[in-house]
């Protein structure tokens, strides 16, 4: 049963990607003439495809599997889902990634730590906030080898530099 839904889900994703394909052509020739034309199919930008997939997931319909057929709840009664309907369907809601769930393999966000520079720290803070958790960011310094130079024959000499980084933890 789950294989069926995986195949349907994969097919829907492929449909979105296929629908984004556009024919693009380029002319080749002397002084801009079109003596030879090369054409190919090009995908839409990644963010366009991602937005469309997100829209489809947001409007997905919860279904039940009865007598080897898909049914959806409509006006307090079950109705058969037809192939004409181009909706994405699901059996069970996705687990909440914010909460620890060993069965689903999700460690949750509480206590999760991210290491990085300013931009990745902002992303970590955003993840914490999306799970209604506060964040704590602590600046750290560490010594690393840097400006290394190869010295004739057999050695490498390095200086020691101080690098700043931050650790953001969801609390």
C-alpha atoms as a PDB file:
ATOM      1  CA  UNK A   1       0.000   0.000   0.000  1.00  0.00           C
ATOM      2  CA  UNK A   2       2.753   2.481   0.899  1.00  0.00           C
ATOM      3  CA  UNK A   3       4.573   1.638  -2.362  1.00  0.00           C
ATOM      4  CA  UNK A   4       1.461   2.748  -4.251  1.00  0.00           C
ATOM      5  CA  UNK A   5       1.474   6.147  -2.564  1.00  0.00           C
ATOM      6  CA  UNK A   6       5.226   6.553  -3.049  1.00  0.00           C
ATOM      7  CA  UNK A   7       4.781   5.891  -6.787  1.00  0.00           C
ATOM      8  CA  UNK A   8       1.832   8.326  -6.974  1.00  0.00           C
ATOM      9  CA  UNK A   9       3.794  10.977  -5.060  1.00  0.00           C
ATOM     10  CA  UNK A  10       6.854  10.475  -7.278  1.00  0.00           C
ATOM     11  CA  UNK A  11       4.680  10.639 -10.412  1.00  0.00           C
ATOM     12  CA  UNK A  12       3.098  13.927  -9.234  1.00  0.00           C
ATOM     13  CA  UNK A  13       6.558  15.391  -8.611  1.00  0.00           C
ATOM     14  CA  UNK A  14       7.717  14.284 -12.053  1.00  0.00           C
ATOM     15  CA  UNK A  15       4.577  15.829 -13.577  1.00  0.00           C
ATOM     16  CA  UNK A  16       5.496  19.186 -12.013  1.00  0.00           C
ATOM     17  CA  UNK A  17       9.040  18.943 -13.360  1.00  0.00           C
ATOM     18  CA  UNK A  18       7.852  17.896 -16.841  1.00  0.00           C
ATOM     19  CA  UNK A  19       5.324  20.746 -16.933  1.00  0.00           C
ATOM     20  CA  UNK A  20       8.147  23.212 -16.272  1.00  0.00           C
ATOM     21  CA  UNK A  21      10.150  22.132 -19.331  1.00  0.00           C
ATOM     22  CA  UNK A  22      10.461  24.832 -22.000  1.00  0.00           C
ATOM     23  CA  UNK A  23      11.952  24.609 -25.479  1.00  0.00           C
ATOM     24  CA  UNK A  24      14.925  26.944 -25.843  1.00  0.00           C
ATOM     25  CA  UNK A  25      16.739  27.516 -29.149  1.00  0.00           C
ATOM     26  CA  UNK A  26      19.919  29.264 -30.172  1.00  0.00           C
ATOM     27  CA  UNK A  27      20.887  30.319 -33.682  1.00  0.00           C
ATOM     28  CA  UNK A  28      24.399  29.860 -35.053  1.00  0.00           C
ATOM     29  CA  UNK A  29      25.765  31.471 -38.152  1.00  0.00           C
ATOM     30  CA  UNK A  30      27.748  34.298 -39.673  1.00  0.00           C
ATOM     31  CA  UNK A  31      26.709  37.804 -38.520  1.00  0.00           C
ATOM     32  CA  UNK A  32      23.795  36.538 -36.504  1.00  0.00           C
ATOM     33  CA  UNK A  33      22.253  34.492 -39.318  1.00  0.00           C
ATOM     34  CA  UNK A  34      20.378  31.380 -38.379  1.00  0.00           C
ATOM     35  CA  UNK A  35      22.142  28.873 -40.633  1.00  0.00           C
ATOM     36  CA  UNK A  36      22.107  26.309 -37.841  1.00  0.00           C
ATOM     37  CA  UNK A  37      19.688  26.187 -34.955  1.00  0.00           C
ATOM     38  CA  UNK A  38      20.262  24.177 -31.767  1.00  0.00           C
ATOM     39  CA  UNK A  39      17.284  23.493 -29.511  1.00  0.00           C
ATOM     40  CA  UNK A  40      16.937  21.799 -26.137  1.00  0.00           C
ATOM     41  CA  UNK A  41      14.478  21.454 -23.294  1.00  0.00           C
ATOM     42  CA  UNK A  42      15.279  23.521 -20.221  1.00  0.00           C
ATOM     43  CA  UNK A  43      13.867  23.213 -16.711  1.00  0.00           C
ATOM     44  CA  UNK A  44      12.338  26.178 -14.943  1.00  0.00           C
ATOM     45  CA  UNK A  45      14.477  27.625 -12.128  1.00  0.00           C
ATOM     46  CA  UNK A  46      14.668  25.423  -9.040  1.00  0.00           C
ATOM     47  CA  UNK A  47      12.719  27.886  -6.866  1.00  0.00           C
ATOM     48  CA  UNK A  48       9.812  27.907  -9.371  1.00  0.00           C
ATOM     49  CA  UNK A  49       9.566  24.100  -9.308  1.00  0.00           C
ATOM     50  CA  UNK A  50       9.949  24.085  -5.515  1.00  0.00           C
ATOM     51  CA  UNK A  51       7.166  26.652  -5.098  1.00  0.00           C
ATOM     52  CA  UNK A  52       4.814  24.611  -7.278  1.00  0.00           C
ATOM     53  CA  UNK A  53       5.580  21.431  -5.336  1.00  0.00           C
ATOM     54  CA  UNK A  54       5.008  23.288  -2.061  1.00  0.00           C
ATOM     55  CA  UNK A  55       1.654  24.557  -3.371  1.00  0.00           C
ATOM     56  CA  UNK A  56       0.630  20.999  -4.294  1.00  0.00           C
ATOM     57  CA  UNK A  57       1.692  19.624  -0.908  1.00  0.00           C
ATOM     58  CA  UNK A  58      -0.230  22.394   0.848  1.00  0.00           C
ATOM     59  CA  UNK A  59      -3.410  21.474  -1.005  1.00  0.00           C
ATOM     60  CA  UNK A  60      -2.973  17.689  -0.714  1.00  0.00           C
ATOM     61  CA  UNK A  61      -6.063  15.678   0.176  1.00  0.00           C
ATOM     62  CA  UNK A  62      -6.186  13.137   2.993  1.00  0.00           C
ATOM     63  CA  UNK A  63      -7.585   9.811   1.796  1.00  0.00           C
ATOM     64  CA  UNK A  64      -8.385   6.375   3.143  1.00  0.00           C
ATOM     65  CA  UNK A  65      -7.748   3.067   1.445  1.00  0.00           C
ATOM     66  CA  UNK A  66     -10.919   0.953   1.355  1.00  0.00           C
ATOM     67  CA  UNK A  67     -11.440  -2.154  -0.780  1.00  0.00           C
ATOM     68  CA  UNK A  68      -8.261  -1.387  -2.780  1.00  0.00           C
ATOM     69  CA  UNK A  69      -9.601   2.049  -3.739  1.00  0.00           C
ATOM     70  CA  UNK A  70      -8.858   5.558  -2.606  1.00  0.00           C
ATOM     71  CA  UNK A  71     -11.644   7.450  -0.856  1.00  0.00           C
ATOM     72  CA  UNK A  72     -11.747  11.009   0.419  1.00  0.00           C
ATOM     73  CA  UNK A  73     -14.105  12.524   2.950  1.00  0.00           C
ATOM     74  CA  UNK A  74     -16.478  14.989   1.272  1.00  0.00           C
ATOM     75  CA  UNK A  75     -19.401  16.599   3.167  1.00  0.00           C
ATOM     76  CA  UNK A  76     -19.269  13.955   5.933  1.00  0.00           C
ATOM     77  CA  UNK A  77     -19.328  10.997   3.522  1.00  0.00           C
ATOM     78  CA  UNK A  78     -16.686   9.000   1.660  1.00  0.00           C
ATOM     79  CA  UNK A  79     -16.259   9.630  -2.042  1.00  0.00           C
ATOM     80  CA  UNK A  80     -14.079   7.683  -4.492  1.00  0.00           C
ATOM     81  CA  UNK A  81     -10.998   9.537  -5.747  1.00  0.00           C
ATOM     82  CA  UNK A  82     -10.886   9.427  -9.542  1.00  0.00           C
ATOM     83  CA  UNK A  83      -7.843   9.481 -11.815  1.00  0.00           C
ATOM     84  CA  UNK A  84      -9.075  12.759 -13.315  1.00  0.00           C
ATOM     85  CA  UNK A  85      -8.382  14.548 -10.059  1.00  0.00           C
ATOM     86  CA  UNK A  86      -4.849  15.945 -10.224  1.00  0.00           C
ATOM     87  CA  UNK A  87      -4.522  16.350  -6.458  1.00  0.00           C
ATOM     88  CA  UNK A  88      -1.714  15.001  -4.365  1.00  0.00           C
ATOM     89  CA  UNK A  89      -3.088  12.551  -1.776  1.00  0.00           C
ATOM     90  CA  UNK A  90      -1.825  11.169   1.538  1.00  0.00           C
ATOM     91  CA  UNK A  91      -2.878   8.559   4.090  1.00  0.00           C
ATOM     92  CA  UNK A  92      -1.267   9.868   7.279  1.00  0.00           C
ATOM     93  CA  UNK A  93      -0.150  13.336   8.281  1.00  0.00           C
ATOM     94  CA  UNK A  94       3.584  13.973   8.257  1.00  0.00           C
ATOM     95  CA  UNK A  95       5.282  13.725  11.621  1.00  0.00           C
ATOM     96  CA  UNK A  96       6.100  17.006  13.350  1.00  0.00           C
ATOM     97  CA  UNK A  97       9.851  17.468  12.876  1.00  0.00           C
ATOM     98  CA  UNK A  98       9.905  19.891  15.820  1.00  0.00           C
ATOM     99  CA  UNK A  99       9.088  17.102  18.304  1.00  0.00           C
ATOM    100  CA  UNK A 100      11.343  14.117  18.996  1.00  0.00           C
ATOM    101  CA  UNK A 101       9.905  10.991  17.376  1.00  0.00           C
ATOM    102  CA  UNK A 102      12.157   7.919  17.566  1.00  0.00           C
ATOM    103  CA  UNK A 103       9.743   5.849  15.439  1.00  0.00           C
ATOM    104  CA  UNK A 104       9.971   8.326  12.539  1.00  0.00           C
ATOM    105  CA  UNK A 105      13.700   8.866  13.181  1.00  0.00           C
ATOM    106  CA  UNK A 106      13.255  12.560  13.979  1.00  0.00           C
ATOM    107  CA  UNK A 107      15.448  13.921  16.795  1.00  0.00           C
ATOM    108  CA  UNK A 108      13.291  17.041  17.154  1.00  0.00           C
ATOM    109  CA  UNK A 109      14.618  20.591  17.456  1.00  0.00           C
ATOM    110  CA  UNK A 110      14.979  20.959  21.238  1.00  0.00           C
ATOM    111  CA  UNK A 111      18.708  20.964  21.984  1.00  0.00           C
ATOM    112  CA  UNK A 112      19.624  20.941  18.286  1.00  0.00           C
ATOM    113  CA  UNK A 113      22.838  22.875  17.650  1.00  0.00           C
ATOM    114  CA  UNK A 114      24.009  24.495  14.423  1.00  0.00           C
ATOM    115  CA  UNK A 115      27.508  25.795  13.821  1.00  0.00           C
ATOM    116  CA  UNK A 116      28.222  28.471  11.298  1.00  0.00           C
ATOM    117  CA  UNK A 117      28.741  32.014  10.202  1.00  0.00           C
ATOM    118  CA  UNK A 118      26.169  34.831  10.337  1.00  0.00           C
ATOM    119  CA  UNK A 119      23.911  33.561   7.514  1.00  0.00           C
ATOM    120  CA  UNK A 120      23.699  29.980   8.775  1.00  0.00           C
ATOM    121  CA  UNK A 121      23.137  31.235  12.338  1.00  0.00           C
ATOM    122  CA  UNK A 122      20.136  33.194  11.049  1.00  0.00           C
ATOM    123  CA  UNK A 123      18.821  30.011   9.398  1.00  0.00           C
ATOM    124  CA  UNK A 124      19.253  28.124  12.693  1.00  0.00           C
ATOM    125  CA  UNK A 125      17.394  30.842  14.589  1.00  0.00           C
ATOM    126  CA  UNK A 126      14.617  30.690  12.014  1.00  0.00           C
ATOM    127  CA  UNK A 127      14.306  26.908  12.475  1.00  0.00           C
ATOM    128  CA  UNK A 128      14.111  27.289  16.253  1.00  0.00           C
ATOM    129  CA  UNK A 129      11.469  30.026  15.918  1.00  0.00           C
ATOM    130  CA  UNK A 130       9.390  27.927  13.495  1.00  0.00           C
ATOM    131  CA  UNK A 131       9.129  25.293  16.241  1.00  0.00           C
ATOM    132  CA  UNK A 132       8.168  27.925  18.855  1.00  0.00           C
ATOM    133  CA  UNK A 133      11.518  27.483  20.598  1.00  0.00           C
ATOM    134  CA  UNK A 134      13.930  30.179  21.706  1.00  0.00           C
ATOM    135  CA  UNK A 135      17.518  30.114  20.554  1.00  0.00           C
ATOM    136  CA  UNK A 136      20.807  30.765  22.277  1.00  0.00           C
ATOM    137  CA  UNK A 137      23.801  31.830  20.161  1.00  0.00           C
ATOM    138  CA  UNK A 138      27.277  31.697  21.671  1.00  0.00           C
ATOM    139  CA  UNK A 139      30.336  33.075  19.883  1.00  0.00           C
ATOM    140  CA  UNK A 140      33.470  30.919  20.007  1.00  0.00           C
ATOM    141  CA  UNK A 141      37.058  31.163  18.803  1.00  0.00           C
ATOM    142  CA  UNK A 142      39.384  28.375  17.785  1.00  0.00           C
ATOM    143  CA  UNK A 143      42.985  28.149  16.633  1.00  0.00           C
ATOM    144  CA  UNK A 144      43.556  26.670  13.168  1.00  0.00           C
ATOM    145  CA  UNK A 145      46.539  26.287  10.869  1.00  0.00           C
ATOM    146  CA  UNK A 146      46.571  28.878   8.087  1.00  0.00           C
ATOM    147  CA  UNK A 147      48.820  30.532   5.472  1.00  0.00           C
ATOM    148  CA  UNK A 148      50.672  27.294   4.964  1.00  0.00           C
ATOM    149  CA  UNK A 149      53.732  27.272   2.691  1.00  0.00           C
ATOM    150  CA  UNK A 150      55.670  24.433   1.219  1.00  0.00           C
ATOM    151  CA  UNK A 151      59.353  24.700   2.202  1.00  0.00           C
ATOM    152  CA  UNK A 152      61.815  23.218  -0.269  1.00  0.00           C
ATOM    153  CA  UNK A 153      62.045  19.447  -0.162  1.00  0.00           C
ATOM    154  CA  UNK A 154      60.046  18.091   2.625  1.00  0.00           C
ATOM    155  CA  UNK A 155      58.195  20.372   5.010  1.00  0.00           C
ATOM    156  CA  UNK A 156      55.135  22.584   5.248  1.00  0.00           C
ATOM    157  CA  UNK A 157      55.216  25.587   7.574  1.00  0.00           C
ATOM    158  CA  UNK A 158      51.958  27.111   8.787  1.00  0.00           C
ATOM    159  CA  UNK A 159      50.930  30.047  10.921  1.00  0.00           C
ATOM    160  CA  UNK A 160      48.222  29.750  13.566  1.00  0.00           C
ATOM    161  CA  UNK A 161      45.125  31.879  13.029  1.00  0.00           C
ATOM    162  CA  UNK A 162      42.126  32.562  15.244  1.00  0.00           C
ATOM    163  CA  UNK A 163      38.792  31.814  13.623  1.00  0.00           C
ATOM    164  CA  UNK A 164      35.462  33.016  15.058  1.00  0.00           C
ATOM    165  CA  UNK A 165      32.332  30.890  14.774  1.00  0.00           C
ATOM    166  CA  UNK A 166      28.987  30.706  16.508  1.00  0.00           C
ATOM    167  CA  UNK A 167      26.939  27.870  17.949  1.00  0.00           C
ATOM    168  CA  UNK A 168      23.170  28.333  17.927  1.00  0.00           C
ATOM    169  CA  UNK A 169      21.092  25.980  20.077  1.00  0.00           C
ATOM    170  CA  UNK A 170      17.310  25.632  20.229  1.00  0.00           C
ATOM    171  CA  UNK A 171      16.199  25.928  23.878  1.00  0.00           C
END
